[in-house]
Amino acid sequence: MFAYKTSLVAVLTVGALCAGCAGHRTKEAGYTREEARTSSDRRANEDSPTVDIARARTLIEQVEKSGGQQYAATELQSARSKIQLADTVRDSHKGSRKERGATARQQAEEAVADAELAVALSERGEAEKAASAVSAGTEALRRESVRQDTSDVRSQVPVRPLGVDR
């Protein structure tokens, strides 16, 4: 019985040591299993255009909700077309998965760039519109100020009755 317990303790100790070592880096492996899985997941996400497609769609919606289509219609249409192409390429069965992913990713990145440009053009257009309104208001105040100055001068000039000399 004593030999059995000793053997059991030895096996459990070796098992615990092996389990502990499996989670640590070794020179041969380079990564722990968790790091390898995380790295693999990260690489799959980096190759996937899904994140960029979602970002481009969000930016397009932002421009549309702010009424910026009038300032960036071409860029919005370009972004929409590239999103559609990225979706089509990603979901097609032509070529290898890696090639489809790379092409879809490139289209998605271009869609994001077009959508970001649309946002910038929309914001610039709105800023120019606001600056124009401020300018018009400033000009109206300046004209009113000049009008007030001339009416004040007239009220300060003494009016002599007609036919009366000094």
N, C-alpha and C. Protein backbone atom coordinates (compact mmCIF):
# COMPACT_ATOMS: atom_id res chain seq x y z
N MET A 1 0.82 -1.18 0.00
CA MET A 1 0.00 0.00 0.00
C MET A 1 0.86 1.25 0.00
N PHE A 2 1.95 1.18 0.79
CA PHE A 2 2.85 2.32 0.86
C PHE A 2 3.46 2.61 -0.51
N ALA A 3 3.84 1.58 -1.25
CA ALA A 3 4.43 1.73 -2.57
C ALA A 3 3.42 2.33 -3.54
N TYR A 4 2.16 1.96 -3.39
CA TYR A 4 1.10 2.48 -4.24
C TYR A 4 0.94 3.98 -4.03
N LYS A 5 0.89 4.40 -2.76
CA LYS A 5 0.75 5.82 -2.44
C LYS A 5 1.95 6.61 -2.94
N THR A 6 3.13 6.06 -2.77
CA THR A 6 4.34 6.73 -3.22
C THR A 6 4.33 6.87 -4.74
N SER A 7 3.91 5.83 -5.42
CA SER A 7 3.83 5.88 -6.88
C SER A 7 2.80 6.90 -7.34
N LEU A 8 1.67 6.92 -6.66
CA LEU A 8 0.60 7.87 -7.00
C LEU A 8 1.08 9.30 -6.80
N VAL A 9 1.75 9.57 -5.71
CA VAL A 9 2.28 10.90 -5.44
C VAL A 9 3.31 11.27 -6.50
N ALA A 10 4.14 10.34 -6.87
CA ALA A 10 5.17 10.61 -7.88
C ALA A 10 4.52 10.91 -9.23
N VAL A 11 3.52 10.15 -9.61
CA VAL A 11 2.83 10.37 -10.89
C VAL A 11 2.12 11.72 -10.88
N LEU A 12 1.46 12.05 -9.79
CA LEU A 12 0.75 13.33 -9.71
C LEU A 12 1.74 14.49 -9.74
N THR A 13 2.86 14.34 -9.09
CA THR A 13 3.88 15.39 -9.08
C THR A 13 4.43 15.61 -10.48
N VAL A 14 4.76 14.54 -11.16
CA VAL A 14 5.28 14.64 -12.53
C VAL A 14 4.22 15.25 -13.44
N GLY A 15 2.98 14.82 -13.28
CA GLY A 15 1.88 15.37 -14.09
C GLY A 15 1.71 16.86 -13.86
N ALA A 16 1.78 17.28 -12.62
CA ALA A 16 1.65 18.71 -12.30
C ALA A 16 2.81 19.50 -12.88
N LEU A 17 3.99 18.95 -12.80
CA LEU A 17 5.15 19.63 -13.38
C LEU A 17 5.02 19.75 -14.89
N CYS A 18 4.58 18.68 -15.51
CA CYS A 18 4.41 18.71 -16.97
C CYS A 18 3.33 19.71 -17.37
N ALA A 19 2.25 19.75 -16.64
CA ALA A 19 1.18 20.70 -16.95
C ALA A 19 1.65 22.13 -16.77
N GLY A 20 2.44 22.35 -15.73
CA GLY A 20 2.98 23.69 -15.50
C GLY A 20 3.94 24.11 -16.58
N CYS A 21 4.76 23.18 -17.03
CA CYS A 21 5.74 23.49 -18.07
C CYS A 21 5.07 23.71 -19.42
N ALA A 22 3.94 23.07 -19.65
CA ALA A 22 3.27 23.20 -20.94
C ALA A 22 2.79 24.63 -21.17
N GLY A 23 2.52 25.35 -20.12
CA GLY A 23 2.04 26.74 -20.26
C GLY A 23 3.16 27.74 -20.41
N HIS A 24 4.40 27.32 -20.19
CA HIS A 24 5.53 28.24 -20.27
C HIS A 24 6.20 28.14 -21.63
N ARG A 25 6.90 29.20 -21.97
CA ARG A 25 7.63 29.21 -23.24
C ARG A 25 8.82 28.25 -23.17
N THR A 26 9.07 27.68 -24.28
CA THR A 26 10.30 26.91 -24.42
C THR A 26 11.03 27.45 -25.62
N LYS A 27 12.31 27.25 -25.69
CA LYS A 27 13.08 27.76 -26.82
C LYS A 27 12.58 27.14 -28.12
N GLU A 28 12.19 25.88 -28.06
CA GLU A 28 11.77 25.20 -29.27
C GLU A 28 10.43 25.74 -29.77
N ALA A 29 9.48 25.93 -28.87
CA ALA A 29 8.14 26.35 -29.27
C ALA A 29 8.07 27.84 -29.53
N GLY A 30 8.73 28.64 -28.73
CA GLY A 30 8.70 30.07 -28.94
C GLY A 30 7.49 30.74 -28.32
N TYR A 31 6.35 30.12 -28.30
CA TYR A 31 5.12 30.69 -27.76
C TYR A 31 4.41 29.67 -26.88
N THR A 32 3.63 30.19 -25.95
CA THR A 32 2.75 29.30 -25.19
C THR A 32 1.58 28.95 -26.09
N ARG A 33 0.80 27.97 -25.69
CA ARG A 33 -0.37 27.60 -26.48
C ARG A 33 -1.37 28.75 -26.56
N GLU A 34 -1.54 29.45 -25.46
CA GLU A 34 -2.47 30.59 -25.42
C GLU A 34 -2.02 31.69 -26.37
N GLU A 35 -0.72 31.99 -26.34
CA GLU A 35 -0.19 33.03 -27.23
C GLU A 35 -0.32 32.61 -28.69
N ALA A 36 -0.09 31.36 -28.97
CA ALA A 36 -0.20 30.88 -30.35
C ALA A 36 -1.64 30.99 -30.82
N ARG A 37 -2.60 30.64 -29.97
CA ARG A 37 -4.01 30.73 -30.35
C ARG A 37 -4.41 32.19 -30.52
N THR A 38 -3.97 33.06 -29.61
CA THR A 38 -4.28 34.48 -29.71
C THR A 38 -3.66 35.07 -30.97
N SER A 39 -2.43 34.69 -31.25
CA SER A 39 -1.75 35.17 -32.45
C SER A 39 -2.48 34.70 -33.69
N SER A 40 -2.94 33.46 -33.67
CA SER A 40 -3.68 32.92 -34.81
C SER A 40 -4.99 33.66 -35.00
N ASP A 41 -5.72 33.91 -33.90
CA ASP A 41 -6.97 34.67 -33.98
C ASP A 41 -6.73 36.07 -34.48
N ARG A 42 -5.67 36.70 -33.99
CA ARG A 42 -5.35 38.07 -34.40
C ARG A 42 -5.04 38.10 -35.90
N ARG A 43 -4.27 37.12 -36.36
CA ARG A 43 -3.91 37.06 -37.78
C ARG A 43 -5.16 36.86 -38.63
N ALA A 44 -6.08 36.03 -38.18
CA ALA A 44 -7.32 35.81 -38.92
C ALA A 44 -8.13 37.10 -38.97
N ASN A 45 -8.18 37.84 -37.87
CA ASN A 45 -8.91 39.11 -37.84
C ASN A 45 -8.25 40.15 -38.72
N GLU A 46 -6.90 40.15 -38.75
CA GLU A 46 -6.21 41.12 -39.58
C GLU A 46 -6.46 40.85 -41.05
N ASP A 47 -6.60 39.58 -41.42
CA ASP A 47 -6.84 39.23 -42.81
C ASP A 47 -8.30 39.45 -43.20
N SER A 48 -9.19 39.53 -42.23
CA SER A 48 -10.61 39.68 -42.50
C SER A 48 -10.96 41.14 -42.77
N PRO A 49 -11.70 41.38 -43.84
CA PRO A 49 -12.10 42.75 -44.16
C PRO A 49 -13.34 43.21 -43.39
N THR A 50 -13.90 42.34 -42.59
CA THR A 50 -15.16 42.63 -41.90
C THR A 50 -15.10 43.89 -41.06
N VAL A 51 -14.03 44.08 -40.32
CA VAL A 51 -13.90 45.25 -39.45
C VAL A 51 -13.87 46.53 -40.29
N ASP A 52 -13.09 46.51 -41.38
CA ASP A 52 -13.01 47.70 -42.23
C ASP A 52 -14.33 47.97 -42.94
N ILE A 53 -15.02 46.93 -43.34
CA ILE A 53 -16.33 47.12 -43.98
C ILE A 53 -17.30 47.76 -43.00
N ALA A 54 -17.32 47.29 -41.78
CA ALA A 54 -18.20 47.86 -40.76
C ALA A 54 -17.83 49.31 -40.48
N ARG A 55 -16.53 49.59 -40.40
CA ARG A 55 -16.08 50.97 -40.16
C ARG A 55 -16.51 51.89 -41.30
N ALA A 56 -16.33 51.45 -42.54
CA ALA A 56 -16.72 52.26 -43.69
C ALA A 56 -18.23 52.52 -43.68
N ARG A 57 -19.00 51.49 -43.36
CA ARG A 57 -20.47 51.67 -43.31
C ARG A 57 -20.86 52.68 -42.22
N THR A 58 -20.19 52.60 -41.09
CA THR A 58 -20.47 53.53 -39.99
C THR A 58 -20.15 54.97 -40.41
N LEU A 59 -19.02 55.16 -41.07
CA LEU A 59 -18.64 56.50 -41.52
C LEU A 59 -19.62 57.03 -42.56
N ILE A 60 -20.06 56.18 -43.46
CA ILE A 60 -21.06 56.60 -44.47
C ILE A 60 -22.35 57.03 -43.79
N GLU A 61 -22.80 56.25 -42.82
CA GLU A 61 -24.01 56.62 -42.08
C GLU A 61 -23.83 57.95 -41.36
N GLN A 62 -22.64 58.18 -40.83
CA GLN A 62 -22.36 59.44 -40.13
C GLN A 62 -22.52 60.63 -41.08
N VAL A 63 -21.99 60.50 -42.28
CA VAL A 63 -22.10 61.59 -43.26
C VAL A 63 -23.55 61.78 -43.66
N GLU A 64 -24.26 60.69 -43.89
CA GLU A 64 -25.66 60.79 -44.32
C GLU A 64 -26.53 61.42 -43.23
N LYS A 65 -26.30 61.04 -41.97
CA LYS A 65 -27.10 61.60 -40.88
C LYS A 65 -26.84 63.08 -40.67
N SER A 66 -25.62 63.51 -40.98
CA SER A 66 -25.30 64.93 -40.81
C SER A 66 -25.69 65.76 -42.02
N GLY A 67 -26.23 65.11 -43.05
CA GLY A 67 -26.65 65.85 -44.25
C GLY A 67 -25.47 66.24 -45.13
N GLY A 68 -24.38 65.53 -45.03
CA GLY A 68 -23.17 65.90 -45.77
C GLY A 68 -23.08 65.33 -47.17
N GLN A 69 -24.13 64.66 -47.67
CA GLN A 69 -24.07 64.10 -49.01
C GLN A 69 -23.80 65.17 -50.06
N GLN A 70 -24.29 66.37 -49.82
CA GLN A 70 -24.11 67.44 -50.79
C GLN A 70 -22.66 67.84 -50.95
N TYR A 71 -21.84 67.57 -49.96
CA TYR A 71 -20.43 67.95 -50.01
C TYR A 71 -19.52 66.83 -50.48
N ALA A 72 -20.00 65.58 -50.41
CA ALA A 72 -19.11 64.45 -50.70
C ALA A 72 -19.84 63.31 -51.41
N ALA A 73 -20.69 63.64 -52.36
CA ALA A 73 -21.49 62.61 -53.04
C ALA A 73 -20.61 61.60 -53.78
N THR A 74 -19.59 62.07 -54.45
CA THR A 74 -18.71 61.17 -55.22
C THR A 74 -17.97 60.22 -54.30
N GLU A 75 -17.44 60.73 -53.21
CA GLU A 75 -16.68 59.90 -52.28
C GLU A 75 -17.58 58.87 -51.60
N LEU A 76 -18.81 59.27 -51.26
CA LEU A 76 -19.75 58.32 -50.65
C LEU A 76 -20.08 57.20 -51.62
N GLN A 77 -20.32 57.54 -52.88
CA GLN A 77 -20.65 56.52 -53.87
C GLN A 77 -19.46 55.57 -54.08
N SER A 78 -18.27 56.12 -54.10
CA SER A 78 -17.07 55.30 -54.25
C SER A 78 -16.93 54.35 -53.07
N ALA A 79 -17.13 54.85 -51.86
CA ALA A 79 -17.03 53.99 -50.67
C ALA A 79 -18.08 52.89 -50.71
N ARG A 80 -19.30 53.22 -51.10
CA ARG A 80 -20.37 52.21 -51.18
C ARG A 80 -20.00 51.12 -52.20
N SER A 81 -19.48 51.55 -53.35
CA SER A 81 -19.10 50.58 -54.40
C SER A 81 -18.00 49.65 -53.91
N LYS A 82 -17.03 50.21 -53.21
CA LYS A 82 -15.92 49.38 -52.73
C LYS A 82 -16.36 48.43 -51.62
N ILE A 83 -17.30 48.86 -50.81
CA ILE A 83 -17.86 47.96 -49.79
C ILE A 83 -18.57 46.80 -50.47
N GLN A 84 -19.37 47.12 -51.48
CA GLN A 84 -20.10 46.08 -52.20
C GLN A 84 -19.12 45.10 -52.86
N LEU A 85 -18.06 45.63 -53.46
CA LEU A 85 -17.06 44.77 -54.09
C LEU A 85 -16.35 43.90 -53.04
N ALA A 86 -16.01 44.49 -51.90
CA ALA A 86 -15.35 43.73 -50.83
C ALA A 86 -16.26 42.60 -50.35
N ASP A 87 -17.53 42.88 -50.18
CA ASP A 87 -18.49 41.85 -49.77
C ASP A 87 -18.57 40.74 -50.81
N THR A 88 -18.65 41.14 -52.07
CA THR A 88 -18.78 40.16 -53.16
C THR A 88 -17.55 39.28 -53.24
N VAL A 89 -16.37 39.88 -53.20
CA VAL A 89 -15.12 39.11 -53.28
C VAL A 89 -14.99 38.18 -52.08
N ARG A 90 -15.27 38.70 -50.91
CA ARG A 90 -15.12 37.90 -49.68
C ARG A 90 -16.04 36.68 -49.71
N ASP A 91 -17.25 36.86 -50.24
CA ASP A 91 -18.24 35.78 -50.22
C ASP A 91 -18.18 34.87 -51.44
N SER A 92 -17.35 35.22 -52.42
CA SER A 92 -17.28 34.40 -53.64
C SER A 92 -16.48 33.12 -53.36
N HIS A 93 -16.50 32.25 -54.32
CA HIS A 93 -15.76 30.99 -54.18
C HIS A 93 -14.65 30.89 -55.21
N LYS A 94 -14.33 31.99 -55.87
CA LYS A 94 -13.27 32.00 -56.88
C LYS A 94 -11.95 32.33 -56.20
N GLY A 95 -10.91 31.58 -56.54
CA GLY A 95 -9.59 31.82 -55.97
C GLY A 95 -9.48 31.25 -54.57
N SER A 96 -8.29 31.33 -54.05
CA SER A 96 -8.06 30.81 -52.70
C SER A 96 -8.65 31.76 -51.66
N ARG A 97 -8.87 31.21 -50.51
CA ARG A 97 -9.43 32.02 -49.42
C ARG A 97 -8.50 33.19 -49.10
N LYS A 98 -7.21 32.92 -49.12
CA LYS A 98 -6.21 33.95 -48.81
C LYS A 98 -6.25 35.07 -49.85
N GLU A 99 -6.34 34.72 -51.13
CA GLU A 99 -6.42 35.74 -52.19
C GLU A 99 -7.70 36.56 -52.08
N ARG A 100 -8.81 35.87 -51.85
CA ARG A 100 -10.09 36.58 -51.69
C ARG A 100 -10.03 37.53 -50.50
N GLY A 101 -9.43 37.03 -49.41
CA GLY A 101 -9.32 37.85 -48.20
C GLY A 101 -8.47 39.09 -48.45
N ALA A 102 -7.36 38.91 -49.16
CA ALA A 102 -6.47 40.04 -49.43
C ALA A 102 -7.15 41.07 -50.34
N THR A 103 -7.84 40.60 -51.36
CA THR A 103 -8.54 41.52 -52.28
C THR A 103 -9.68 42.23 -51.56
N ALA A 104 -10.45 41.47 -50.80
CA ALA A 104 -11.56 42.08 -50.06
C ALA A 104 -11.04 43.08 -49.04
N ARG A 105 -9.96 42.73 -48.39
CA ARG A 105 -9.36 43.64 -47.39
C ARG A 105 -8.90 44.94 -48.04
N GLN A 106 -8.27 44.83 -49.22
CA GLN A 106 -7.81 46.03 -49.92
C GLN A 106 -9.01 46.91 -50.30
N GLN A 107 -10.07 46.31 -50.81
CA GLN A 107 -11.26 47.08 -51.17
C GLN A 107 -11.89 47.72 -49.92
N ALA A 108 -11.90 46.97 -48.84
CA ALA A 108 -12.48 47.50 -47.59
C ALA A 108 -11.65 48.67 -47.07
N GLU A 109 -10.32 48.55 -47.14
CA GLU A 109 -9.45 49.65 -46.69
C GLU A 109 -9.66 50.89 -47.56
N GLU A 110 -9.81 50.69 -48.87
CA GLU A 110 -10.09 51.82 -49.76
C GLU A 110 -11.45 52.43 -49.47
N ALA A 111 -12.41 51.60 -49.13
CA ALA A 111 -13.74 52.10 -48.77
C ALA A 111 -13.66 52.96 -47.51
N VAL A 112 -12.87 52.53 -46.54
CA VAL A 112 -12.68 53.31 -45.32
C VAL A 112 -12.04 54.65 -45.66
N ALA A 113 -11.02 54.63 -46.52
CA ALA A 113 -10.34 55.88 -46.91
C ALA A 113 -11.31 56.83 -47.60
N ASP A 114 -12.13 56.30 -48.51
CA ASP A 114 -13.12 57.14 -49.20
C ASP A 114 -14.15 57.69 -48.22
N ALA A 115 -14.59 56.84 -47.29
CA ALA A 115 -15.58 57.28 -46.30
C ALA A 115 -14.99 58.33 -45.37
N GLU A 116 -13.72 58.16 -44.96
CA GLU A 116 -13.08 59.18 -44.12
C GLU A 116 -12.93 60.50 -44.87
N LEU A 117 -12.62 60.42 -46.16
CA LEU A 117 -12.55 61.63 -46.98
C LEU A 117 -13.92 62.29 -47.06
N ALA A 118 -14.96 61.49 -47.21
CA ALA A 118 -16.32 62.03 -47.26
C ALA A 118 -16.68 62.74 -45.96
N VAL A 119 -16.28 62.16 -44.84
CA VAL A 119 -16.52 62.80 -43.54
C VAL A 119 -15.80 64.14 -43.48
N ALA A 120 -14.54 64.16 -43.90
CA ALA A 120 -13.75 65.40 -43.86
C ALA A 120 -14.35 66.46 -44.77
N LEU A 121 -14.75 66.07 -45.98
CA LEU A 121 -15.36 67.03 -46.90
C LEU A 121 -16.70 67.54 -46.37
N SER A 122 -17.45 66.67 -45.76
CA SER A 122 -18.73 67.06 -45.17
C SER A 122 -18.52 68.06 -44.04
N GLU A 123 -17.55 67.77 -43.17
CA GLU A 123 -17.26 68.68 -42.06
C GLU A 123 -16.75 70.01 -42.57
N ARG A 124 -15.91 69.98 -43.62
CA ARG A 124 -15.41 71.22 -44.20
C ARG A 124 -16.56 72.04 -44.79
N GLY A 125 -17.45 71.36 -45.51
CA GLY A 125 -18.59 72.05 -46.10
C GLY A 125 -19.47 72.70 -45.05
N GLU A 126 -19.72 71.98 -43.97
CA GLU A 126 -20.53 72.54 -42.89
C GLU A 126 -19.81 73.70 -42.22
N ALA A 127 -18.50 73.59 -42.06
CA ALA A 127 -17.73 74.68 -41.44
C ALA A 127 -17.74 75.93 -42.34
N GLU A 128 -17.61 75.71 -43.65
CA GLU A 128 -17.66 76.85 -44.57
C GLU A 128 -19.04 77.51 -44.54
N LYS A 129 -20.07 76.69 -44.45
CA LYS A 129 -21.44 77.22 -44.37
C LYS A 129 -21.62 78.06 -43.10
N ALA A 130 -21.11 77.55 -41.99
CA ALA A 130 -21.20 78.29 -40.73
C ALA A 130 -20.38 79.57 -40.78
N ALA A 131 -19.19 79.50 -41.38
CA ALA A 131 -18.35 80.70 -41.49
C ALA A 131 -19.02 81.74 -42.37
N SER A 132 -19.69 81.30 -43.41
CA SER A 132 -20.41 82.22 -44.29
C SER A 132 -21.55 82.91 -43.53
N ALA A 133 -22.25 82.15 -42.71
CA ALA A 133 -23.34 82.73 -41.92
C ALA A 133 -22.80 83.74 -40.92
N VAL A 134 -21.68 83.44 -40.30
CA VAL A 134 -21.06 84.37 -39.35
C VAL A 134 -20.63 85.63 -40.09
N SER A 135 -20.05 85.46 -41.26
CA SER A 135 -19.62 86.61 -42.07
C SER A 135 -20.80 87.50 -42.43
N ALA A 136 -21.89 86.88 -42.86
CA ALA A 136 -23.09 87.64 -43.22
C ALA A 136 -23.62 88.39 -42.01
N GLY A 137 -23.63 87.75 -40.85
CA GLY A 137 -24.09 88.41 -39.63
C GLY A 137 -23.20 89.56 -39.23
N THR A 138 -21.90 89.38 -39.37
CA THR A 138 -20.94 90.44 -39.06
C THR A 138 -21.13 91.63 -39.98
N GLU A 139 -21.33 91.34 -41.26
CA GLU A 139 -21.55 92.42 -42.24
C GLU A 139 -22.85 93.18 -41.93
N ALA A 140 -23.88 92.48 -41.56
CA ALA A 140 -25.15 93.14 -41.21
C ALA A 140 -24.96 94.03 -39.98
N LEU A 141 -24.21 93.55 -38.99
CA LEU A 141 -23.94 94.37 -37.80
C LEU A 141 -23.11 95.60 -38.16
N ARG A 142 -22.16 95.44 -39.06
CA ARG A 142 -21.33 96.57 -39.47
C ARG A 142 -22.19 97.62 -40.18
N ARG A 143 -23.06 97.20 -41.08
CA ARG A 143 -23.95 98.15 -41.77
C ARG A 143 -24.86 98.86 -40.79
N GLU A 144 -25.39 98.13 -39.84
CA GLU A 144 -26.27 98.73 -38.83
C GLU A 144 -25.49 99.73 -37.98
N SER A 145 -24.26 99.40 -37.64
CA SER A 145 -23.42 100.30 -36.86
C SER A 145 -23.15 101.59 -37.62
N VAL A 146 -22.86 101.49 -38.91
CA VAL A 146 -22.62 102.67 -39.75
C VAL A 146 -23.89 103.50 -39.83
N ARG A 147 -25.02 102.85 -40.00
CA ARG A 147 -26.30 103.57 -40.08
C ARG A 147 -26.58 104.31 -38.78
N GLN A 148 -26.30 103.66 -37.65
CA GLN A 148 -26.51 104.30 -36.35
C GLN A 148 -25.58 105.50 -36.17
N ASP A 149 -24.33 105.37 -36.61
CA ASP A 149 -23.37 106.47 -36.51
C ASP A 149 -23.82 107.68 -37.30
N THR A 150 -24.33 107.46 -38.51
CA THR A 150 -24.76 108.59 -39.34
C THR A 150 -26.01 109.23 -38.77
N SER A 151 -26.90 108.48 -38.17
CA SER A 151 -28.10 109.09 -37.58
C SER A 151 -27.73 109.85 -36.30
N ASP A 152 -26.74 109.39 -35.56
CA ASP A 152 -26.28 110.11 -34.37
C ASP A 152 -25.65 111.44 -34.76
N VAL A 153 -24.89 111.46 -35.85
CA VAL A 153 -24.25 112.70 -36.31
C VAL A 153 -25.32 113.70 -36.71
N ARG A 154 -26.35 113.27 -37.40
CA ARG A 154 -27.42 114.18 -37.82
C ARG A 154 -28.14 114.78 -36.61
N SER A 155 -28.32 114.00 -35.56
CA SER A 155 -29.03 114.52 -34.39
C SER A 155 -28.18 115.51 -33.61
N GLN A 156 -26.85 115.46 -33.79
CA GLN A 156 -25.97 116.37 -33.07
C GLN A 156 -25.77 117.70 -33.81
N VAL A 157 -26.05 117.74 -35.11
CA VAL A 157 -25.87 118.97 -35.89
C VAL A 157 -27.08 119.86 -35.61
N PRO A 158 -26.83 121.11 -35.15
CA PRO A 158 -27.97 121.99 -34.88
C PRO A 158 -28.67 122.37 -36.19
N VAL A 159 -29.95 122.38 -36.13
CA VAL A 159 -30.74 122.75 -37.30
C VAL A 159 -31.18 124.20 -37.12
N ARG A 160 -30.85 125.05 -38.14
CA ARG A 160 -31.24 126.45 -38.07
C ARG A 160 -32.54 126.62 -38.83
N PRO A 161 -33.41 127.41 -38.29
CA PRO A 161 -34.66 127.67 -39.00
C PRO A 161 -34.34 128.44 -40.30
N LEU A 162 -35.15 128.26 -41.30
CA LEU A 162 -34.96 128.93 -42.56
C LEU A 162 -35.20 130.44 -42.43
N GLY A 163 -34.37 131.16 -43.11
CA GLY A 163 -34.52 132.62 -43.14
C GLY A 163 -33.94 133.31 -41.94
N VAL A 164 -33.33 132.64 -41.06
CA VAL A 164 -32.75 133.29 -39.89
C VAL A 164 -31.24 133.32 -40.10
N ASP A 165 -30.70 134.52 -40.09
CA ASP A 165 -29.25 134.64 -40.20
C ASP A 165 -28.67 134.75 -38.81
N ARG A 166 -27.45 134.56 -38.71
CA ARG A 166 -26.80 134.66 -37.43
C ARG A 166 -26.83 135.99 -36.91
